[in-house]
Amino acid sequence: MSAVASTSPLSAGGAGAVHAHASESPSPHMLEAAEQKRWMVWFGLPALIAALFVAAVFATGQEWYMGFAVAAIVADIAVLIWLTLSTDTNGVLGDPAPARH
């Protein structure tokens, strides 16, 4: 048994309060999942486009498609910078840590 575990059973009344609270504001897990989805869509899409153009180079033998692949990678770098600057991972967990002087 854990040092913090309780031996008393949980009441059913507490479960209703948890569900009522969950509908008021999103949980940290929901916020993290939304942030992960945002990163996968915005960062993954240019990488997928670049991969498709590289595949087109191998399939057709036309080297000029590689220019679109490079442009997609440059766009992906710009998206990565935007995502890192606009993320709010510290705000998801609650109050910020006190500043140390």
N, C-alpha and C. Protein backbone atom coordinates (compact mmCIF):
# COMPACT_ATOMS: atom_id res chain seq x y z
N MET A 1 0.81 -1.17 0.00
CA MET A 1 0.00 0.00 0.00
C MET A 1 0.87 1.25 0.00
N SER A 2 0.45 2.24 -0.69
CA SER A 2 1.20 3.48 -0.78
C SER A 2 1.01 4.31 0.49
N ALA A 3 1.95 5.15 0.77
CA ALA A 3 1.86 6.00 1.96
C ALA A 3 0.76 7.04 1.82
N VAL A 4 0.35 7.36 0.60
CA VAL A 4 -0.69 8.36 0.40
C VAL A 4 -2.03 7.76 0.03
N ALA A 5 -2.10 6.44 -0.12
CA ALA A 5 -3.35 5.80 -0.52
C ALA A 5 -4.30 5.73 0.66
N SER A 6 -5.57 5.86 0.37
CA SER A 6 -6.60 5.78 1.39
C SER A 6 -7.26 4.42 1.33
N THR A 7 -7.64 3.89 2.51
CA THR A 7 -8.32 2.59 2.55
C THR A 7 -9.83 2.73 2.48
N SER A 8 -10.35 3.95 2.58
CA SER A 8 -11.79 4.13 2.53
C SER A 8 -12.26 4.18 1.09
N PRO A 9 -13.44 3.57 0.80
CA PRO A 9 -13.96 3.61 -0.57
C PRO A 9 -14.40 5.01 -0.95
N LEU A 10 -14.35 5.29 -2.24
CA LEU A 10 -14.77 6.59 -2.74
C LEU A 10 -16.28 6.65 -2.81
N SER A 11 -16.84 7.81 -2.52
CA SER A 11 -18.30 7.96 -2.60
C SER A 11 -18.70 8.32 -4.02
N ALA A 12 -19.93 7.97 -4.37
CA ALA A 12 -20.43 8.27 -5.71
C ALA A 12 -20.74 9.75 -5.86
N GLY A 13 -20.94 10.46 -4.77
CA GLY A 13 -21.25 11.89 -4.84
C GLY A 13 -20.09 12.71 -5.37
N GLY A 14 -18.88 12.30 -5.10
CA GLY A 14 -17.71 13.02 -5.58
C GLY A 14 -17.53 12.92 -7.08
N ALA A 15 -18.00 11.82 -7.66
CA ALA A 15 -17.83 11.62 -9.10
C ALA A 15 -18.67 12.61 -9.89
N GLY A 16 -19.83 12.94 -9.41
CA GLY A 16 -20.68 13.92 -10.09
C GLY A 16 -20.05 15.30 -10.09
N ALA A 17 -19.40 15.64 -8.99
CA ALA A 17 -18.75 16.94 -8.90
C ALA A 17 -17.57 17.04 -9.86
N VAL A 18 -16.86 15.92 -10.05
CA VAL A 18 -15.73 15.93 -10.97
C VAL A 18 -16.22 16.15 -12.40
N HIS A 19 -17.30 15.47 -12.78
CA HIS A 19 -17.82 15.64 -14.14
C HIS A 19 -18.38 17.04 -14.34
N ALA A 20 -18.98 17.60 -13.32
CA ALA A 20 -19.51 18.96 -13.45
C ALA A 20 -18.36 19.95 -13.60
N HIS A 21 -17.27 19.71 -12.89
CA HIS A 21 -16.13 20.61 -12.97
C HIS A 21 -15.42 20.46 -14.32
N ALA A 22 -15.39 19.24 -14.85
CA ALA A 22 -14.70 19.02 -16.13
C ALA A 22 -15.39 19.75 -17.28
N SER A 23 -16.68 19.96 -17.18
CA SER A 23 -17.38 20.65 -18.26
C SER A 23 -17.17 22.16 -18.20
N GLU A 24 -16.77 22.68 -17.05
CA GLU A 24 -16.58 24.12 -16.92
C GLU A 24 -15.29 24.59 -17.59
N SER A 25 -14.21 23.89 -17.33
CA SER A 25 -12.93 24.28 -17.93
C SER A 25 -12.19 23.03 -18.37
N PRO A 26 -11.40 23.13 -19.43
CA PRO A 26 -10.69 21.94 -19.90
C PRO A 26 -9.59 21.54 -18.92
N SER A 27 -9.36 20.24 -18.82
CA SER A 27 -8.31 19.73 -17.94
C SER A 27 -6.95 19.97 -18.57
N PRO A 28 -5.90 19.88 -17.79
CA PRO A 28 -4.55 20.04 -18.36
C PRO A 28 -4.25 19.00 -19.44
N HIS A 29 -4.81 17.80 -19.28
CA HIS A 29 -4.58 16.77 -20.30
C HIS A 29 -5.24 17.14 -21.62
N MET A 30 -6.43 17.74 -21.55
CA MET A 30 -7.10 18.17 -22.77
C MET A 30 -6.34 19.30 -23.45
N LEU A 31 -5.79 20.20 -22.65
CA LEU A 31 -5.01 21.30 -23.21
C LEU A 31 -3.72 20.79 -23.85
N GLU A 32 -3.08 19.82 -23.21
CA GLU A 32 -1.87 19.25 -23.78
C GLU A 32 -2.16 18.50 -25.07
N ALA A 33 -3.29 17.80 -25.12
CA ALA A 33 -3.67 17.08 -26.34
C ALA A 33 -3.96 18.06 -27.48
N ALA A 34 -4.60 19.18 -27.16
CA ALA A 34 -4.87 20.19 -28.19
C ALA A 34 -3.57 20.80 -28.70
N GLU A 35 -2.63 21.04 -27.80
CA GLU A 35 -1.34 21.60 -28.20
C GLU A 35 -0.57 20.60 -29.06
N GLN A 36 -0.63 19.32 -28.71
CA GLN A 36 0.04 18.29 -29.50
C GLN A 36 -0.57 18.19 -30.89
N LYS A 37 -1.88 18.27 -30.97
CA LYS A 37 -2.55 18.22 -32.27
C LYS A 37 -2.16 19.43 -33.13
N ARG A 38 -2.08 20.60 -32.50
CA ARG A 38 -1.68 21.81 -33.22
C ARG A 38 -0.28 21.65 -33.80
N TRP A 39 0.65 21.09 -33.02
CA TRP A 39 2.01 20.89 -33.50
C TRP A 39 2.05 19.87 -34.62
N MET A 40 1.29 18.78 -34.49
CA MET A 40 1.30 17.74 -35.51
C MET A 40 0.76 18.25 -36.84
N VAL A 41 -0.28 19.07 -36.78
CA VAL A 41 -0.87 19.59 -38.01
C VAL A 41 0.05 20.63 -38.66
N TRP A 42 0.44 21.63 -37.90
CA TRP A 42 1.20 22.73 -38.48
C TRP A 42 2.64 22.35 -38.82
N PHE A 43 3.26 21.51 -38.02
CA PHE A 43 4.65 21.14 -38.28
C PHE A 43 4.73 19.94 -39.22
N GLY A 44 3.75 19.07 -39.17
CA GLY A 44 3.79 17.87 -39.98
C GLY A 44 3.39 18.08 -41.43
N LEU A 45 2.51 19.02 -41.68
CA LEU A 45 2.03 19.23 -43.04
C LEU A 45 3.12 19.68 -44.01
N PRO A 46 3.97 20.67 -43.69
CA PRO A 46 5.06 21.00 -44.62
C PRO A 46 6.06 19.87 -44.79
N ALA A 47 6.29 19.07 -43.74
CA ALA A 47 7.19 17.93 -43.87
C ALA A 47 6.60 16.88 -44.81
N LEU A 48 5.30 16.68 -44.73
CA LEU A 48 4.64 15.74 -45.63
C LEU A 48 4.69 16.23 -47.08
N ILE A 49 4.49 17.52 -47.26
CA ILE A 49 4.57 18.10 -48.61
C ILE A 49 5.98 17.93 -49.18
N ALA A 50 7.00 18.17 -48.35
CA ALA A 50 8.38 17.99 -48.80
C ALA A 50 8.64 16.54 -49.18
N ALA A 51 8.12 15.61 -48.39
CA ALA A 51 8.32 14.19 -48.69
C ALA A 51 7.64 13.81 -50.00
N LEU A 52 6.48 14.38 -50.26
CA LEU A 52 5.79 14.09 -51.51
C LEU A 52 6.57 14.61 -52.72
N PHE A 53 7.16 15.78 -52.58
CA PHE A 53 7.95 16.32 -53.69
C PHE A 53 9.24 15.52 -53.91
N VAL A 54 9.85 15.05 -52.83
CA VAL A 54 11.04 14.20 -52.98
C VAL A 54 10.64 12.89 -53.66
N ALA A 55 9.49 12.36 -53.29
CA ALA A 55 8.99 11.15 -53.95
C ALA A 55 8.72 11.41 -55.43
N ALA A 56 8.24 12.60 -55.75
CA ALA A 56 7.99 12.94 -57.15
C ALA A 56 9.30 13.02 -57.94
N VAL A 57 10.37 13.47 -57.28
CA VAL A 57 11.68 13.51 -57.95
C VAL A 57 12.11 12.10 -58.31
N PHE A 58 11.98 11.17 -57.37
CA PHE A 58 12.39 9.79 -57.65
C PHE A 58 11.47 9.11 -58.65
N ALA A 59 10.19 9.46 -58.63
CA ALA A 59 9.24 8.81 -59.52
C ALA A 59 9.35 9.29 -60.96
N THR A 60 9.61 10.59 -61.15
CA THR A 60 9.60 11.15 -62.49
C THR A 60 10.99 11.42 -63.05
N GLY A 61 11.98 11.58 -62.18
CA GLY A 61 13.31 11.92 -62.66
C GLY A 61 13.48 13.41 -62.95
N GLN A 62 12.47 14.21 -62.64
CA GLN A 62 12.53 15.66 -62.86
C GLN A 62 13.12 16.32 -61.60
N GLU A 63 14.33 16.82 -61.71
CA GLU A 63 15.02 17.37 -60.54
C GLU A 63 14.42 18.68 -60.06
N TRP A 64 13.69 19.38 -60.88
CA TRP A 64 13.18 20.69 -60.48
C TRP A 64 12.12 20.58 -59.38
N TYR A 65 11.57 19.38 -59.17
CA TYR A 65 10.65 19.19 -58.05
C TYR A 65 11.36 19.35 -56.70
N MET A 66 12.66 19.15 -56.70
CA MET A 66 13.43 19.29 -55.46
C MET A 66 13.38 20.72 -54.93
N GLY A 67 13.21 21.69 -55.81
CA GLY A 67 13.07 23.08 -55.36
C GLY A 67 11.83 23.27 -54.49
N PHE A 68 10.73 22.60 -54.84
CA PHE A 68 9.53 22.68 -54.01
C PHE A 68 9.74 21.98 -52.67
N ALA A 69 10.51 20.89 -52.68
CA ALA A 69 10.81 20.20 -51.43
C ALA A 69 11.64 21.09 -50.50
N VAL A 70 12.61 21.78 -51.06
CA VAL A 70 13.44 22.69 -50.25
C VAL A 70 12.60 23.84 -49.73
N ALA A 71 11.71 24.37 -50.56
CA ALA A 71 10.83 25.46 -50.12
C ALA A 71 9.91 24.99 -49.00
N ALA A 72 9.45 23.75 -49.07
CA ALA A 72 8.59 23.22 -48.00
C ALA A 72 9.37 23.06 -46.69
N ILE A 73 10.65 22.67 -46.78
CA ILE A 73 11.47 22.55 -45.57
C ILE A 73 11.74 23.93 -44.97
N VAL A 74 11.98 24.93 -45.80
CA VAL A 74 12.18 26.30 -45.29
C VAL A 74 10.90 26.79 -44.63
N ALA A 75 9.75 26.51 -45.24
CA ALA A 75 8.47 26.87 -44.63
C ALA A 75 8.28 26.13 -43.32
N ASP A 76 8.73 24.87 -43.26
CA ASP A 76 8.61 24.09 -42.03
C ASP A 76 9.46 24.69 -40.92
N ILE A 77 10.61 25.22 -41.25
CA ILE A 77 11.45 25.88 -40.24
C ILE A 77 10.76 27.13 -39.73
N ALA A 78 10.13 27.89 -40.63
CA ALA A 78 9.39 29.08 -40.20
C ALA A 78 8.21 28.70 -39.32
N VAL A 79 7.53 27.62 -39.65
CA VAL A 79 6.41 27.14 -38.83
C VAL A 79 6.91 26.69 -37.47
N LEU A 80 8.06 26.04 -37.43
CA LEU A 80 8.63 25.61 -36.15
C LEU A 80 8.93 26.80 -35.26
N ILE A 81 9.48 27.85 -35.82
CA ILE A 81 9.76 29.05 -35.04
C ILE A 81 8.46 29.66 -34.52
N TRP A 82 7.44 29.73 -35.37
CA TRP A 82 6.15 30.28 -34.95
C TRP A 82 5.52 29.44 -33.85
N LEU A 83 5.60 28.12 -33.98
CA LEU A 83 5.01 27.25 -32.96
C LEU A 83 5.71 27.40 -31.62
N THR A 84 7.03 27.49 -31.63
CA THR A 84 7.74 27.61 -30.37
C THR A 84 7.48 28.95 -29.70
N LEU A 85 7.30 30.00 -30.50
CA LEU A 85 7.04 31.31 -29.91
C LEU A 85 5.60 31.46 -29.43
N SER A 86 4.68 30.74 -30.02
CA SER A 86 3.27 30.91 -29.66
C SER A 86 2.75 29.86 -28.70
N THR A 87 3.56 28.91 -28.29
CA THR A 87 3.10 27.89 -27.37
C THR A 87 2.98 28.45 -25.96
N ASP A 88 2.07 27.85 -25.19
CA ASP A 88 1.85 28.31 -23.82
C ASP A 88 1.91 27.11 -22.88
N THR A 89 3.02 26.40 -22.90
CA THR A 89 3.12 25.21 -22.07
C THR A 89 3.25 25.54 -20.59
N ASN A 90 3.80 26.67 -20.24
CA ASN A 90 3.89 27.03 -18.83
C ASN A 90 2.54 27.46 -18.28
N GLY A 91 1.71 28.09 -19.08
CA GLY A 91 0.40 28.52 -18.63
C GLY A 91 -0.58 27.38 -18.48
N VAL A 92 -0.32 26.26 -19.11
CA VAL A 92 -1.22 25.11 -19.04
C VAL A 92 -1.21 24.52 -17.64
N LEU A 93 -0.07 24.51 -17.00
CA LEU A 93 0.07 23.83 -15.72
C LEU A 93 -0.38 24.66 -14.53
N GLY A 94 -0.73 25.88 -14.71
CA GLY A 94 -1.20 26.68 -13.59
C GLY A 94 -0.39 27.95 -13.45
N ASP A 95 -0.24 28.37 -12.21
CA ASP A 95 0.47 29.62 -11.93
C ASP A 95 1.95 29.47 -12.24
N PRO A 96 2.57 30.53 -12.78
CA PRO A 96 3.99 30.44 -13.06
C PRO A 96 4.80 30.38 -11.77
N ALA A 97 5.98 29.82 -11.89
CA ALA A 97 6.87 29.72 -10.74
C ALA A 97 7.33 31.12 -10.32
N PRO A 98 7.57 31.33 -9.03
CA PRO A 98 8.05 32.65 -8.60
C PRO A 98 9.43 32.94 -9.17
N ALA A 99 9.66 34.19 -9.48
CA ALA A 99 10.93 34.61 -10.04
C ALA A 99 12.01 34.58 -8.98
N ARG A 100 13.18 34.11 -9.35
CA ARG A 100 14.31 34.09 -8.43
C ARG A 100 15.24 35.24 -8.76
N HIS A 101 15.69 35.90 -7.74
CA HIS A 101 16.57 37.07 -7.95
C HIS A 101 17.96 36.76 -7.52
